[in-house]
Amino acid sequence: MTDTSKSPEPAPAPAPRPELDDAPPLLGSWRNIYLFVLGTLATFIALFWALTRAYS
């Protein structure tokens, strides 16, 4: 009797993608993008809070 169940070979490793390590094209670094997004969120929250207070 022969053993026909062979263990599957592992998939080849994906090719390296050095472009993923590059800096983002806008604002120069991911840290700056995150700070921009958080600042925009804080600005919107303050604006909506002020509008709510003004018209309630």
N, C-alpha and C. Protein backbone atom coordinates (compact mmCIF):
# COMPACT_ATOMS: atom_id res chain seq x y z
N MET A 1 0.82 -1.17 0.00
CA MET A 1 0.00 0.00 0.00
C MET A 1 0.88 1.25 0.00
N THR A 2 0.54 2.20 -0.86
CA THR A 2 1.34 3.42 -0.94
C THR A 2 0.57 4.57 -0.30
N ASP A 3 1.31 5.48 0.23
CA ASP A 3 0.71 6.64 0.88
C ASP A 3 0.55 7.75 -0.17
N THR A 4 -0.70 8.06 -0.51
CA THR A 4 -0.96 9.08 -1.53
C THR A 4 -1.22 10.45 -0.91
N SER A 5 -1.29 10.53 0.40
CA SER A 5 -1.56 11.82 1.05
C SER A 5 -0.23 12.48 1.40
N LYS A 6 0.18 13.37 0.54
CA LYS A 6 1.41 14.12 0.81
C LYS A 6 1.04 15.44 1.47
N SER A 7 1.92 15.93 2.29
CA SER A 7 1.64 17.23 2.91
C SER A 7 1.80 18.31 1.84
N PRO A 8 0.90 19.26 1.82
CA PRO A 8 0.98 20.31 0.79
C PRO A 8 2.23 21.16 0.98
N GLU A 9 2.77 21.58 -0.14
CA GLU A 9 3.94 22.44 -0.07
C GLU A 9 3.50 23.84 0.33
N PRO A 10 4.31 24.53 1.10
CA PRO A 10 3.92 25.90 1.49
C PRO A 10 3.93 26.82 0.27
N ALA A 11 3.04 27.79 0.32
CA ALA A 11 2.95 28.75 -0.78
C ALA A 11 4.22 29.59 -0.82
N PRO A 12 4.64 29.99 -2.00
CA PRO A 12 5.84 30.82 -2.07
C PRO A 12 5.59 32.17 -1.40
N ALA A 13 6.63 32.73 -0.83
CA ALA A 13 6.52 34.02 -0.16
C ALA A 13 6.22 35.10 -1.19
N PRO A 14 5.37 36.06 -0.83
CA PRO A 14 5.07 37.13 -1.78
C PRO A 14 6.31 37.97 -2.05
N ALA A 15 6.35 38.54 -3.23
CA ALA A 15 7.49 39.37 -3.60
C ALA A 15 7.52 40.62 -2.71
N PRO A 16 8.70 41.05 -2.33
CA PRO A 16 8.78 42.27 -1.50
C PRO A 16 8.26 43.48 -2.27
N ARG A 17 7.62 44.39 -1.56
CA ARG A 17 7.06 45.59 -2.18
C ARG A 17 7.65 46.81 -1.48
N PRO A 18 8.81 47.27 -1.95
CA PRO A 18 9.46 48.40 -1.26
C PRO A 18 8.65 49.69 -1.32
N GLU A 19 7.71 49.82 -2.26
CA GLU A 19 6.92 51.04 -2.34
C GLU A 19 6.02 51.21 -1.12
N LEU A 20 5.75 50.11 -0.39
CA LEU A 20 4.93 50.20 0.81
C LEU A 20 5.68 50.89 1.94
N ASP A 21 7.00 50.91 1.88
CA ASP A 21 7.81 51.55 2.91
C ASP A 21 8.06 53.02 2.61
N ASP A 22 7.65 53.51 1.45
CA ASP A 22 7.87 54.89 1.09
C ASP A 22 6.98 55.81 1.94
N ALA A 23 7.40 57.06 2.04
CA ALA A 23 6.59 58.06 2.73
C ALA A 23 5.36 58.37 1.88
N PRO A 24 4.25 58.71 2.52
CA PRO A 24 3.06 59.07 1.75
C PRO A 24 3.31 60.36 0.96
N PRO A 25 2.63 60.51 -0.16
CA PRO A 25 2.88 61.68 -1.00
C PRO A 25 2.37 62.99 -0.40
N LEU A 26 1.47 62.92 0.56
CA LEU A 26 0.87 64.11 1.15
C LEU A 26 1.33 64.25 2.59
N LEU A 27 1.82 65.40 2.97
CA LEU A 27 2.23 65.75 4.34
C LEU A 27 3.52 65.08 4.81
N GLY A 28 4.15 64.24 4.02
CA GLY A 28 5.49 63.75 4.31
C GLY A 28 5.63 62.54 5.21
N SER A 29 4.71 62.31 6.15
CA SER A 29 4.81 61.12 7.00
C SER A 29 3.42 60.71 7.46
N TRP A 30 3.31 59.45 7.86
CA TRP A 30 2.02 58.96 8.33
C TRP A 30 1.63 59.66 9.62
N ARG A 31 2.60 60.01 10.45
CA ARG A 31 2.31 60.72 11.70
C ARG A 31 1.60 62.03 11.40
N ASN A 32 2.08 62.76 10.40
CA ASN A 32 1.45 64.04 10.04
C ASN A 32 0.04 63.84 9.51
N ILE A 33 -0.18 62.78 8.78
CA ILE A 33 -1.52 62.50 8.27
C ILE A 33 -2.47 62.19 9.42
N TYR A 34 -2.03 61.37 10.37
CA TYR A 34 -2.87 61.05 11.53
C TYR A 34 -3.17 62.30 12.35
N LEU A 35 -2.19 63.17 12.54
CA LEU A 35 -2.42 64.41 13.28
C LEU A 35 -3.40 65.32 12.54
N PHE A 36 -3.29 65.37 11.23
CA PHE A 36 -4.22 66.16 10.43
C PHE A 36 -5.65 65.64 10.58
N VAL A 37 -5.81 64.33 10.50
CA VAL A 37 -7.14 63.73 10.63
C VAL A 37 -7.72 63.99 12.02
N LEU A 38 -6.91 63.83 13.06
CA LEU A 38 -7.40 64.09 14.41
C LEU A 38 -7.73 65.57 14.62
N GLY A 39 -6.91 66.45 14.05
CA GLY A 39 -7.19 67.88 14.15
C GLY A 39 -8.47 68.25 13.44
N THR A 40 -8.70 67.66 12.27
CA THR A 40 -9.93 67.91 11.52
C THR A 40 -11.14 67.40 12.31
N LEU A 41 -11.01 66.23 12.91
CA LEU A 41 -12.10 65.68 13.72
C LEU A 41 -12.40 66.60 14.90
N ALA A 42 -11.37 67.07 15.60
CA ALA A 42 -11.57 67.98 16.73
C ALA A 42 -12.23 69.28 16.28
N THR A 43 -11.84 69.79 15.12
CA THR A 43 -12.44 71.01 14.59
C THR A 43 -13.92 70.80 14.28
N PHE A 44 -14.26 69.70 13.66
CA PHE A 44 -15.67 69.42 13.36
C PHE A 44 -16.49 69.27 14.64
N ILE A 45 -15.94 68.58 15.62
CA ILE A 45 -16.65 68.40 16.89
C ILE A 45 -16.91 69.76 17.54
N ALA A 46 -15.89 70.62 17.57
CA ALA A 46 -16.05 71.95 18.16
C ALA A 46 -17.06 72.78 17.36
N LEU A 47 -17.01 72.71 16.05
CA LEU A 47 -17.94 73.46 15.21
C LEU A 47 -19.38 72.99 15.43
N PHE A 48 -19.59 71.70 15.44
CA PHE A 48 -20.94 71.18 15.63
C PHE A 48 -21.45 71.46 17.04
N TRP A 49 -20.58 71.41 18.03
CA TRP A 49 -20.97 71.75 19.39
C TRP A 49 -21.40 73.21 19.46
N ALA A 50 -20.61 74.10 18.83
CA ALA A 50 -20.94 75.53 18.85
C ALA A 50 -22.25 75.79 18.12
N LEU A 51 -22.47 75.15 17.00
CA LEU A 51 -23.73 75.31 16.27
C LEU A 51 -24.92 74.80 17.08
N THR A 52 -24.73 73.70 17.76
CA THR A 52 -25.80 73.15 18.61
C THR A 52 -26.13 74.12 19.72
N ARG A 53 -25.13 74.68 20.36
CA ARG A 53 -25.36 75.64 21.45
C ARG A 53 -26.02 76.92 20.93
N ALA A 54 -25.61 77.37 19.75
CA ALA A 54 -26.14 78.62 19.20
C ALA A 54 -27.60 78.50 18.79
N TYR A 55 -28.01 77.36 18.31
CA TYR A 55 -29.36 77.21 17.77
C TYR A 55 -30.27 76.32 18.62
N SER A 56 -29.88 76.06 19.86
CA SER A 56 -30.77 75.25 20.70
C SER A 56 -31.64 76.13 21.58
